[in-house]
Amino acid sequence: MKMPTNKLVFYLIIIFSFLLLLLIILFNLLSKKPTSISSISPTPLPTPTLIFPPITRVPMISVIPPSTNNFPTYAPEKGRGVDLEAPLIKNSTREIEKLYRLLPLNQEVRLSTGLDVSIVIPPKDLQNNPWTLTVQIFGIDYEIPQSDSNYVLVKNSFREAANIVFNWIKNNNADPQKIIISWGDREFIQVRAEEWLFI
């Protein structure tokens, strides 16, 4: 049985009107701001815990040995070589002589930074000359760039190992402040070692 067209149109208009009215009411409810917000107390958010990397303290260097950059030299007419009569050279030679009987020194050390290093001081016959003491600290990356995240750790490791050397010299009745130390056998090692010691 077919419904008359007029009746069908009438029912459709009523249904659409009802849906339209419902949408308008819903829109009004959603667009109104609630008036009771001010009475709600905000719940504080938990403060995040900040985690910082451990701070590695720079070991104090109690001894500042003479730099290899300022050897006293003879005047040009005498040949410009190292002035063996200069007090700096004589003092260094005298202090190093006190240590010869104890050489070679070969010591494995676990530093407080967690790095394992080897401290090596060769015997008298393998020293470069009588006025410098060759000290090698293996296990240190002397070429590490300052931008590297491990730079401070490596620098502090070297400083701690150097302090071990200075204390060993002191404990054997020599004065490390008078000894010219050659750190390793390459120029870049000496430059970096002195940079780390004299800052």
N, C-alpha and C. Protein backbone atom coordinates (compact mmCIF):
# COMPACT_ATOMS: atom_id res chain seq x y z
N MET A 1 0.84 -1.18 0.00
CA MET A 1 0.00 0.00 0.00
C MET A 1 0.88 1.24 0.00
N LYS A 2 0.61 2.15 -0.89
CA LYS A 2 1.43 3.35 -1.10
C LYS A 2 0.93 4.48 -0.25
N MET A 3 1.89 5.15 0.40
CA MET A 3 1.55 6.32 1.20
C MET A 3 1.38 7.50 0.28
N PRO A 4 0.40 8.36 0.54
CA PRO A 4 0.24 9.52 -0.32
C PRO A 4 1.46 10.41 -0.23
N THR A 5 1.81 11.03 -1.29
CA THR A 5 3.00 11.85 -1.40
C THR A 5 2.95 13.02 -0.44
N ASN A 6 1.81 13.63 -0.27
CA ASN A 6 1.71 14.78 0.64
C ASN A 6 2.03 14.37 2.08
N LYS A 7 1.54 13.20 2.49
CA LYS A 7 1.80 12.73 3.83
C LYS A 7 3.28 12.45 4.04
N LEU A 8 3.90 11.85 3.04
CA LEU A 8 5.34 11.53 3.13
C LEU A 8 6.16 12.80 3.26
N VAL A 9 5.84 13.81 2.46
CA VAL A 9 6.56 15.09 2.52
C VAL A 9 6.35 15.71 3.90
N PHE A 10 5.16 15.63 4.43
CA PHE A 10 4.85 16.19 5.74
C PHE A 10 5.71 15.53 6.84
N TYR A 11 5.79 14.21 6.81
CA TYR A 11 6.61 13.50 7.82
C TYR A 11 8.09 13.83 7.68
N LEU A 12 8.56 13.92 6.45
CA LEU A 12 9.98 14.26 6.24
C LEU A 12 10.30 15.66 6.77
N ILE A 13 9.40 16.60 6.56
CA ILE A 13 9.60 17.97 7.06
C ILE A 13 9.65 17.96 8.58
N ILE A 14 8.80 17.22 9.20
CA ILE A 14 8.78 17.15 10.67
C ILE A 14 10.09 16.53 11.19
N ILE A 15 10.52 15.46 10.56
CA ILE A 15 11.77 14.79 11.00
C ILE A 15 12.96 15.73 10.82
N PHE A 16 13.05 16.39 9.66
CA PHE A 16 14.18 17.31 9.43
C PHE A 16 14.13 18.51 10.37
N SER A 17 12.94 19.00 10.66
CA SER A 17 12.78 20.12 11.60
C SER A 17 13.25 19.70 12.99
N PHE A 18 12.84 18.51 13.38
CA PHE A 18 13.24 18.00 14.69
C PHE A 18 14.76 17.86 14.78
N LEU A 19 15.39 17.31 13.72
CA LEU A 19 16.84 17.16 13.69
C LEU A 19 17.55 18.52 13.71
N LEU A 20 16.99 19.47 13.00
CA LEU A 20 17.56 20.82 12.96
C LEU A 20 17.50 21.46 14.34
N LEU A 21 16.37 21.33 15.00
CA LEU A 21 16.19 21.87 16.35
C LEU A 21 17.18 21.21 17.31
N LEU A 22 17.35 19.93 17.20
CA LEU A 22 18.28 19.19 18.04
C LEU A 22 19.71 19.68 17.83
N LEU A 23 20.09 19.91 16.57
CA LEU A 23 21.44 20.42 16.27
C LEU A 23 21.66 21.82 16.83
N ILE A 24 20.64 22.67 16.77
CA ILE A 24 20.74 24.03 17.30
C ILE A 24 20.93 23.99 18.81
N ILE A 25 20.18 23.17 19.49
CA ILE A 25 20.30 23.05 20.95
C ILE A 25 21.70 22.52 21.31
N LEU A 26 22.14 21.53 20.61
CA LEU A 26 23.47 20.95 20.86
C LEU A 26 24.56 22.00 20.62
N PHE A 27 24.46 22.75 19.56
CA PHE A 27 25.43 23.80 19.25
C PHE A 27 25.46 24.86 20.36
N ASN A 28 24.29 25.28 20.84
CA ASN A 28 24.21 26.27 21.93
C ASN A 28 24.84 25.75 23.21
N LEU A 29 24.62 24.49 23.53
CA LEU A 29 25.21 23.91 24.74
C LEU A 29 26.74 23.88 24.65
N LEU A 30 27.23 23.53 23.51
CA LEU A 30 28.68 23.43 23.34
C LEU A 30 29.35 24.80 23.29
N SER A 31 28.66 25.79 22.78
CA SER A 31 29.30 27.11 22.63
C SER A 31 29.28 27.91 23.93
N LYS A 32 28.45 27.55 24.88
CA LYS A 32 28.41 28.28 26.15
C LYS A 32 29.61 27.89 27.00
N LYS A 33 30.22 28.90 27.67
CA LYS A 33 31.33 28.64 28.58
C LYS A 33 30.74 28.26 29.92
N PRO A 34 31.30 27.28 30.57
CA PRO A 34 30.77 26.95 31.89
C PRO A 34 31.07 28.07 32.87
N THR A 35 30.11 28.35 33.72
CA THR A 35 30.25 29.46 34.66
C THR A 35 30.91 29.05 35.95
N SER A 36 31.08 27.80 36.20
CA SER A 36 31.60 27.35 37.49
C SER A 36 33.10 27.04 37.46
N ILE A 37 33.81 27.47 36.42
CA ILE A 37 35.23 27.15 36.30
C ILE A 37 36.04 27.79 37.42
N SER A 38 35.68 29.03 37.81
CA SER A 38 36.46 29.73 38.82
C SER A 38 36.42 29.03 40.17
N SER A 39 35.39 28.23 40.40
CA SER A 39 35.30 27.55 41.68
C SER A 39 36.14 26.27 41.72
N ILE A 40 36.63 25.85 40.57
CA ILE A 40 37.43 24.63 40.53
C ILE A 40 38.89 25.01 40.79
N SER A 41 39.47 24.41 41.81
CA SER A 41 40.88 24.72 42.10
C SER A 41 41.77 23.86 41.20
N PRO A 42 42.77 24.49 40.62
CA PRO A 42 43.63 23.72 39.71
C PRO A 42 44.46 22.70 40.48
N THR A 43 44.65 21.56 39.88
CA THR A 43 45.50 20.53 40.48
C THR A 43 46.92 20.76 40.00
N PRO A 44 47.85 20.95 40.95
CA PRO A 44 49.23 21.20 40.50
C PRO A 44 49.82 19.96 39.83
N LEU A 45 50.56 20.22 38.77
CA LEU A 45 51.22 19.13 38.07
C LEU A 45 52.49 18.77 38.82
N PRO A 46 52.87 17.52 38.83
CA PRO A 46 54.12 17.17 39.51
C PRO A 46 55.31 17.82 38.81
N THR A 47 56.24 18.34 39.60
CA THR A 47 57.44 18.96 39.04
C THR A 47 58.36 17.86 38.52
N PRO A 48 58.80 17.99 37.27
CA PRO A 48 59.68 16.93 36.76
C PRO A 48 61.03 16.96 37.47
N THR A 49 61.58 15.78 37.70
CA THR A 49 62.90 15.68 38.31
C THR A 49 63.94 15.85 37.22
N LEU A 50 64.84 16.82 37.41
CA LEU A 50 65.89 17.06 36.42
C LEU A 50 67.08 16.18 36.75
N ILE A 51 67.57 15.50 35.75
CA ILE A 51 68.73 14.63 35.95
C ILE A 51 69.90 15.23 35.21
N PHE A 52 70.94 15.59 35.96
CA PHE A 52 72.14 16.15 35.37
C PHE A 52 73.23 15.08 35.35
N PRO A 53 74.10 15.15 34.34
CA PRO A 53 75.22 14.20 34.34
C PRO A 53 76.12 14.49 35.53
N PRO A 54 76.82 13.48 36.05
CA PRO A 54 77.69 13.72 37.20
C PRO A 54 78.77 14.74 36.84
N ILE A 55 79.08 15.60 37.80
CA ILE A 55 80.11 16.62 37.58
C ILE A 55 81.45 16.02 37.97
N THR A 56 82.37 16.03 37.03
CA THR A 56 83.70 15.53 37.32
C THR A 56 84.55 16.71 37.76
N ARG A 57 84.98 16.67 39.01
CA ARG A 57 85.76 17.77 39.56
C ARG A 57 87.15 17.75 38.96
N VAL A 58 87.67 18.94 38.63
CA VAL A 58 89.02 19.04 38.08
C VAL A 58 90.01 18.88 39.22
N PRO A 59 90.89 17.87 39.15
CA PRO A 59 91.86 17.70 40.23
C PRO A 59 92.78 18.90 40.32
N MET A 60 93.05 19.31 41.55
CA MET A 60 93.97 20.42 41.76
C MET A 60 95.39 19.95 41.42
N ILE A 61 96.10 20.77 40.71
CA ILE A 61 97.50 20.47 40.42
C ILE A 61 98.32 21.24 41.44
N SER A 62 98.92 20.50 42.36
CA SER A 62 99.68 21.15 43.43
C SER A 62 101.08 21.55 42.97
N VAL A 63 101.47 21.03 41.82
CA VAL A 63 102.82 21.27 41.32
C VAL A 63 102.73 21.83 39.92
N ILE A 64 103.46 22.88 39.67
CA ILE A 64 103.56 23.40 38.30
C ILE A 64 105.03 23.26 37.87
N PRO A 65 105.32 22.21 37.10
CA PRO A 65 106.70 22.03 36.66
C PRO A 65 107.06 23.05 35.59
N PRO A 66 108.34 23.26 35.38
CA PRO A 66 108.73 24.20 34.31
C PRO A 66 108.25 23.70 32.95
N SER A 67 107.90 24.63 32.07
CA SER A 67 107.45 24.28 30.73
C SER A 67 108.64 23.99 29.84
N THR A 68 108.44 23.11 28.87
CA THR A 68 109.52 22.82 27.92
C THR A 68 109.62 23.91 26.85
N ASN A 69 108.70 24.89 26.91
CA ASN A 69 108.70 25.95 25.90
C ASN A 69 109.73 27.04 26.17
N ASN A 70 110.28 27.06 27.36
CA ASN A 70 111.16 28.19 27.68
C ASN A 70 112.54 27.75 28.19
N PHE A 71 113.16 26.81 27.46
CA PHE A 71 114.52 26.41 27.80
C PHE A 71 115.45 27.61 27.64
N PRO A 72 116.30 27.85 28.61
CA PRO A 72 117.31 28.90 28.40
C PRO A 72 118.34 28.42 27.37
N THR A 73 118.69 29.28 26.46
CA THR A 73 119.65 28.91 25.41
C THR A 73 120.86 29.83 25.43
N TYR A 74 121.93 29.32 24.85
CA TYR A 74 123.15 30.13 24.71
C TYR A 74 122.91 31.25 23.70
N ALA A 75 123.70 32.28 23.80
CA ALA A 75 123.66 33.36 22.82
C ALA A 75 124.10 32.81 21.46
N PRO A 76 123.70 33.48 20.36
CA PRO A 76 124.04 32.97 19.01
C PRO A 76 125.52 32.69 18.82
N GLU A 77 126.39 33.52 19.41
CA GLU A 77 127.83 33.29 19.23
C GLU A 77 128.32 32.02 19.92
N LYS A 78 127.52 31.50 20.89
CA LYS A 78 127.90 30.26 21.58
C LYS A 78 127.19 29.04 20.99
N GLY A 79 126.35 29.23 19.99
CA GLY A 79 125.74 28.09 19.31
C GLY A 79 124.24 27.92 19.51
N ARG A 80 123.62 28.74 20.32
CA ARG A 80 122.17 28.73 20.52
C ARG A 80 121.60 27.43 21.09
N GLY A 81 122.39 26.52 21.57
CA GLY A 81 121.88 25.29 22.18
C GLY A 81 121.36 25.57 23.58
N VAL A 82 120.88 24.53 24.26
CA VAL A 82 120.37 24.67 25.63
C VAL A 82 121.53 25.07 26.53
N ASP A 83 121.31 26.10 27.33
CA ASP A 83 122.33 26.61 28.25
C ASP A 83 122.41 25.69 29.46
N LEU A 84 123.38 24.79 29.43
CA LEU A 84 123.52 23.80 30.50
C LEU A 84 123.94 24.41 31.82
N GLU A 85 124.39 25.66 31.80
CA GLU A 85 124.80 26.34 33.03
C GLU A 85 123.66 27.14 33.66
N ALA A 86 122.55 27.25 32.98
CA ALA A 86 121.41 28.02 33.51
C ALA A 86 120.84 27.32 34.74
N PRO A 87 120.42 28.09 35.76
CA PRO A 87 119.88 27.48 36.99
C PRO A 87 118.71 26.52 36.73
N LEU A 88 117.81 26.86 35.79
CA LEU A 88 116.67 25.99 35.49
C LEU A 88 117.15 24.60 35.05
N ILE A 89 118.14 24.56 34.17
CA ILE A 89 118.66 23.29 33.64
C ILE A 89 119.43 22.55 34.72
N LYS A 90 120.25 23.26 35.48
CA LYS A 90 121.04 22.62 36.55
C LYS A 90 120.13 22.04 37.63
N ASN A 91 119.13 22.80 38.03
CA ASN A 91 118.21 22.32 39.07
C ASN A 91 117.44 21.09 38.60
N SER A 92 116.97 21.12 37.37
CA SER A 92 116.23 19.98 36.84
C SER A 92 117.12 18.74 36.79
N THR A 93 118.34 18.90 36.31
CA THR A 93 119.29 17.79 36.22
C THR A 93 119.55 17.19 37.60
N ARG A 94 119.77 18.05 38.59
CA ARG A 94 120.07 17.61 39.96
C ARG A 94 118.90 16.80 40.55
N GLU A 95 117.67 17.29 40.34
CA GLU A 95 116.49 16.60 40.90
C GLU A 95 116.24 15.27 40.20
N ILE A 96 116.45 15.23 38.89
CA ILE A 96 116.23 13.99 38.13
C ILE A 96 117.23 12.92 38.56
N GLU A 97 118.46 13.33 38.87
CA GLU A 97 119.49 12.37 39.30
C GLU A 97 119.07 11.61 40.56
N LYS A 98 118.24 12.25 41.40
CA LYS A 98 117.75 11.58 42.62
C LYS A 98 116.81 10.42 42.31
N LEU A 99 116.25 10.42 41.11
CA LEU A 99 115.25 9.42 40.74
C LEU A 99 115.79 8.25 39.93
N TYR A 100 116.99 8.40 39.37
CA TYR A 100 117.50 7.38 38.45
C TYR A 100 117.52 5.98 39.06
N ARG A 101 117.88 5.88 40.33
CA ARG A 101 117.99 4.56 40.98
C ARG A 101 116.63 3.85 41.06
N LEU A 102 115.53 4.63 40.95
CA LEU A 102 114.18 4.06 41.07
C LEU A 102 113.56 3.70 39.72
N LEU A 103 114.28 4.01 38.65
CA LEU A 103 113.74 3.79 37.31
C LEU A 103 114.19 2.46 36.76
N PRO A 104 113.39 1.84 35.90
CA PRO A 104 112.16 2.35 35.30
C PRO A 104 110.97 2.22 36.25
N LEU A 105 110.00 3.06 36.00
CA LEU A 105 108.72 3.00 36.74
C LEU A 105 107.65 2.60 35.74
N ASN A 106 106.87 1.61 36.09
CA ASN A 106 105.77 1.17 35.24
C ASN A 106 104.60 0.85 36.16
N GLN A 107 103.59 1.71 36.15
CA GLN A 107 102.49 1.58 37.09
C GLN A 107 101.15 1.62 36.37
N GLU A 108 100.31 0.61 36.64
CA GLU A 108 98.95 0.57 36.12
C GLU A 108 98.03 1.18 37.18
N VAL A 109 97.18 2.11 36.76
CA VAL A 109 96.33 2.82 37.72
C VAL A 109 94.91 2.91 37.18
N ARG A 110 93.94 2.63 38.06
CA ARG A 110 92.54 2.93 37.76
C ARG A 110 92.26 4.27 38.42
N LEU A 111 91.94 5.28 37.61
CA LEU A 111 91.71 6.63 38.12
C LEU A 111 90.29 6.77 38.65
N SER A 112 90.06 7.83 39.42
CA SER A 112 88.72 8.07 39.97
C SER A 112 87.71 8.35 38.88
N THR A 113 88.18 8.73 37.69
CA THR A 113 87.29 8.98 36.55
C THR A 113 86.81 7.68 35.91
N GLY A 114 87.41 6.55 36.34
CA GLY A 114 87.05 5.26 35.77
C GLY A 114 88.00 4.82 34.66
N LEU A 115 88.91 5.68 34.25
CA LEU A 115 89.85 5.37 33.18
C LEU A 115 91.03 4.58 33.74
N ASP A 116 91.49 3.59 32.98
CA ASP A 116 92.70 2.84 33.33
C ASP A 116 93.85 3.41 32.53
N VAL A 117 94.93 3.78 33.22
CA VAL A 117 96.09 4.33 32.53
C VAL A 117 97.35 3.59 32.99
N SER A 118 98.38 3.70 32.16
CA SER A 118 99.71 3.19 32.50
C SER A 118 100.65 4.38 32.59
N ILE A 119 101.34 4.48 33.71
CA ILE A 119 102.33 5.54 33.90
C ILE A 119 103.70 4.89 33.75
N VAL A 120 104.46 5.38 32.77
CA VAL A 120 105.76 4.79 32.48
C VAL A 120 106.82 5.88 32.49
N ILE A 121 107.86 5.66 33.29
CA ILE A 121 109.05 6.53 33.26
C ILE A 121 110.23 5.64 32.92
N PRO A 122 110.81 5.81 31.74
CA PRO A 122 111.89 4.92 31.29
C PRO A 122 113.15 5.06 32.15
N PRO A 123 114.06 4.07 32.06
CA PRO A 123 115.31 4.16 32.83
C PRO A 123 116.22 5.25 32.29
N LYS A 124 117.28 5.51 33.03
CA LYS A 124 118.22 6.61 32.71
C LYS A 124 118.72 6.54 31.26
N ASP A 125 119.09 5.35 30.80
CA ASP A 125 119.68 5.24 29.45
C ASP A 125 118.66 5.48 28.34
N LEU A 126 117.36 5.49 28.66
CA LEU A 126 116.34 5.77 27.64
C LEU A 126 115.73 7.17 27.79
N GLN A 127 116.26 7.95 28.72
CA GLN A 127 115.82 9.35 28.85
C GLN A 127 116.46 10.16 27.71
N ASN A 128 115.75 11.18 27.24
CA ASN A 128 116.23 11.98 26.10
C ASN A 128 117.50 12.75 26.40
N ASN A 129 117.61 13.26 27.60
CA ASN A 129 118.77 14.04 28.02
C ASN A 129 118.75 14.12 29.55
N PRO A 130 119.82 14.62 30.16
CA PRO A 130 119.88 14.63 31.63
C PRO A 130 118.99 15.69 32.30
N TRP A 131 118.53 16.69 31.55
CA TRP A 131 117.78 17.77 32.19
C TRP A 131 116.26 17.67 32.03
N THR A 132 115.77 16.69 31.26
CA THR A 132 114.32 16.47 31.18
C THR A 132 114.01 15.04 31.61
N LEU A 133 112.87 14.88 32.27
CA LEU A 133 112.40 13.57 32.69
C LEU A 133 111.25 13.18 31.76
N THR A 134 111.45 12.09 31.01
CA THR A 134 110.39 11.62 30.11
C THR A 134 109.38 10.82 30.93
N VAL A 135 108.12 11.25 30.87
CA VAL A 135 107.02 10.57 31.55
C VAL A 135 105.95 10.29 30.50
N GLN A 136 105.54 9.04 30.41
CA GLN A 136 104.49 8.69 29.45
C GLN A 136 103.26 8.18 30.21
N ILE A 137 102.12 8.74 29.87
CA ILE A 137 100.86 8.28 30.45
C ILE A 137 100.03 7.73 29.30
N PHE A 138 99.93 6.41 29.26
CA PHE A 138 99.18 5.73 28.20
C PHE A 138 97.73 5.54 28.66
N GLY A 139 96.82 5.56 27.70
CA GLY A 139 95.41 5.40 28.01
C GLY A 139 94.66 6.72 27.97
N ILE A 140 95.37 7.80 27.62
CA ILE A 140 94.79 9.14 27.50
C ILE A 140 94.74 9.50 26.01
N ASP A 141 93.61 10.02 25.57
CA ASP A 141 93.48 10.48 24.19
C ASP A 141 93.86 11.96 24.12
N TYR A 142 95.11 12.23 23.80
CA TYR A 142 95.61 13.61 23.77
C TYR A 142 95.06 14.40 22.59
N GLU A 143 94.50 13.72 21.61
CA GLU A 143 93.98 14.41 20.42
C GLU A 143 92.47 14.65 20.49
N ILE A 144 91.87 14.41 21.63
CA ILE A 144 90.42 14.56 21.75
C ILE A 144 90.04 16.03 21.54
N PRO A 145 89.06 16.31 20.69
CA PRO A 145 88.66 17.72 20.49
C PRO A 145 87.86 18.24 21.68
N GLN A 146 87.94 19.55 21.91
CA GLN A 146 87.22 20.15 23.03
C GLN A 146 85.72 19.99 22.89
N SER A 147 85.23 19.81 21.69
CA SER A 147 83.80 19.66 21.47
C SER A 147 83.29 18.26 21.85
N ASP A 148 84.21 17.33 22.07
CA ASP A 148 83.81 15.96 22.42
C ASP A 148 83.22 15.93 23.82
N SER A 149 82.16 15.14 24.01
CA SER A 149 81.50 15.08 25.32
C SER A 149 82.41 14.47 26.39
N ASN A 150 83.45 13.74 26.00
CA ASN A 150 84.37 13.13 26.97
C ASN A 150 85.62 13.98 27.22
N TYR A 151 85.66 15.18 26.64
CA TYR A 151 86.86 16.01 26.76
C TYR A 151 87.23 16.28 28.22
N VAL A 152 86.27 16.71 29.02
CA VAL A 152 86.55 17.07 30.42
C VAL A 152 87.01 15.83 31.18
N LEU A 153 86.38 14.69 30.93
CA LEU A 153 86.77 13.46 31.60
C LEU A 153 88.22 13.09 31.27
N VAL A 154 88.58 13.22 30.00
CA VAL A 154 89.95 12.87 29.58
C VAL A 154 90.95 13.85 30.18
N LYS A 155 90.62 15.15 30.16
CA LYS A 155 91.51 16.16 30.75
C LYS A 155 91.71 15.90 32.24
N ASN A 156 90.61 15.64 32.95
CA ASN A 156 90.71 15.38 34.39
C ASN A 156 91.48 14.10 34.68
N SER A 157 91.35 13.12 33.78
CA SER A 157 92.10 11.87 33.95
C SER A 157 93.60 12.14 33.83
N PHE A 158 93.97 12.95 32.84
CA PHE A 158 95.39 13.28 32.70
C PHE A 158 95.89 14.02 33.94
N ARG A 159 95.13 14.99 34.41
CA ARG A 159 95.56 15.78 35.57
C ARG A 159 95.72 14.90 36.81
N GLU A 160 94.81 13.95 36.98
CA GLU A 160 94.93 13.04 38.12
C GLU A 160 96.18 12.16 38.00
N ALA A 161 96.43 11.66 36.79
CA ALA A 161 97.62 10.83 36.57
C ALA A 161 98.90 11.65 36.77
N ALA A 162 98.88 12.91 36.32
CA ALA A 162 100.04 13.78 36.53
C ALA A 162 100.29 14.00 38.01
N ASN A 163 99.22 14.15 38.79
CA ASN A 163 99.38 14.30 40.24
C ASN A 163 100.02 13.07 40.86
N ILE A 164 99.69 11.90 40.33
CA ILE A 164 100.33 10.67 40.83
C ILE A 164 101.83 10.73 40.58
N VAL A 165 102.22 11.22 39.40
CA VAL A 165 103.65 11.36 39.07
C VAL A 165 104.31 12.36 40.01
N PHE A 166 103.67 13.52 40.21
CA PHE A 166 104.25 14.54 41.08
C PHE A 166 104.41 14.02 42.51
N ASN A 167 103.41 13.29 43.00
CA ASN A 167 103.50 12.74 44.36
C ASN A 167 104.60 11.69 44.47
N TRP A 168 104.75 10.87 43.41
CA TRP A 168 105.82 9.87 43.41
C TRP A 168 107.19 10.57 43.48
N ILE A 169 107.34 11.64 42.72
CA ILE A 169 108.61 12.39 42.74
C ILE A 169 108.85 12.96 44.13
N LYS A 170 107.82 13.59 44.72
CA LYS A 170 107.96 14.17 46.07
C LYS A 170 108.30 13.10 47.11
N ASN A 171 107.61 11.96 47.02
CA ASN A 171 107.84 10.89 47.99
C ASN A 171 109.24 10.30 47.89
N ASN A 172 109.93 10.58 46.81
CA ASN A 172 111.30 10.09 46.63
C ASN A 172 112.33 11.22 46.73
N ASN A 173 111.95 12.22 47.51
CA ASN A 173 112.86 13.31 47.91
C ASN A 173 113.40 14.15 46.77
N ALA A 174 112.60 14.27 45.70
CA ALA A 174 112.97 15.19 44.62
C ALA A 174 111.86 16.24 44.53
N ASP A 175 112.19 17.38 43.93
CA ASP A 175 111.24 18.48 43.85
C ASP A 175 110.64 18.56 42.45
N PRO A 176 109.35 18.17 42.31
CA PRO A 176 108.75 18.18 40.97
C PRO A 176 108.61 19.58 40.37
N GLN A 177 108.66 20.61 41.21
CA GLN A 177 108.56 21.98 40.68
C GLN A 177 109.85 22.42 40.00
N LYS A 178 110.90 21.65 40.17
CA LYS A 178 112.18 22.00 39.53
C LYS A 178 112.49 21.09 38.35
N ILE A 179 111.69 20.05 38.16
CA ILE A 179 111.98 19.08 37.10
C ILE A 179 111.24 19.44 35.82
N ILE A 180 111.98 19.50 34.73
CA ILE A 180 111.36 19.72 33.42
C ILE A 180 110.89 18.36 32.92
N ILE A 181 109.59 18.23 32.75
CA ILE A 181 109.03 16.94 32.35
C ILE A 181 108.66 16.96 30.88
N SER A 182 109.09 15.92 30.19
CA SER A 182 108.70 15.73 28.79
C SER A 182 107.60 14.67 28.80
N TRP A 183 106.36 15.11 28.54
CA TRP A 183 105.21 14.20 28.60
C TRP A 183 105.10 13.47 27.26
N GLY A 184 105.60 12.27 27.21
CA GLY A 184 105.49 11.49 25.98
C GLY A 184 106.59 11.80 25.00
N ASP A 185 106.44 11.25 23.80
CA ASP A 185 107.51 11.37 22.80
C ASP A 185 107.05 12.11 21.55
N ARG A 186 105.88 12.76 21.61
CA ARG A 186 105.40 13.53 20.45
C ARG A 186 105.07 14.94 20.88
N GLU A 187 105.26 15.87 19.99
CA GLU A 187 105.06 17.27 20.33
C GLU A 187 103.61 17.58 20.70
N PHE A 188 102.65 16.97 19.98
CA PHE A 188 101.25 17.29 20.27
C PHE A 188 100.85 16.81 21.67
N ILE A 189 101.51 15.73 22.16
CA ILE A 189 101.24 15.26 23.52
C ILE A 189 101.75 16.27 24.53
N GLN A 190 102.97 16.78 24.29
CA GLN A 190 103.55 17.78 25.19
C GLN A 190 102.71 19.04 25.22
N VAL A 191 102.27 19.49 24.06
CA VAL A 191 101.46 20.71 23.97
C VAL A 191 100.15 20.53 24.74
N ARG A 192 99.45 19.42 24.51
CA ARG A 192 98.17 19.19 25.18
C ARG A 192 98.37 19.00 26.69
N ALA A 193 99.42 18.28 27.08
CA ALA A 193 99.69 18.03 28.50
C ALA A 193 99.92 19.36 29.23
N GLU A 194 100.73 20.23 28.65
CA GLU A 194 100.99 21.52 29.30
C GLU A 194 99.75 22.41 29.29
N GLU A 195 98.97 22.30 28.24
CA GLU A 195 97.71 23.06 28.19
C GLU A 195 96.80 22.64 29.34
N TRP A 196 96.70 21.33 29.59
CA TRP A 196 95.86 20.82 30.67
C TRP A 196 96.42 21.12 32.05
N LEU A 197 97.75 21.18 32.16
CA LEU A 197 98.37 21.42 33.47
C LEU A 197 98.33 22.89 33.86
N PHE A 198 98.50 23.77 32.90
CA PHE A 198 98.70 25.18 33.22
C PHE A 198 97.44 26.01 33.12
N ILE A 199 96.24 25.37 33.08
CA ILE A 199 95.00 26.16 33.04
C ILE A 199 94.49 26.41 34.45
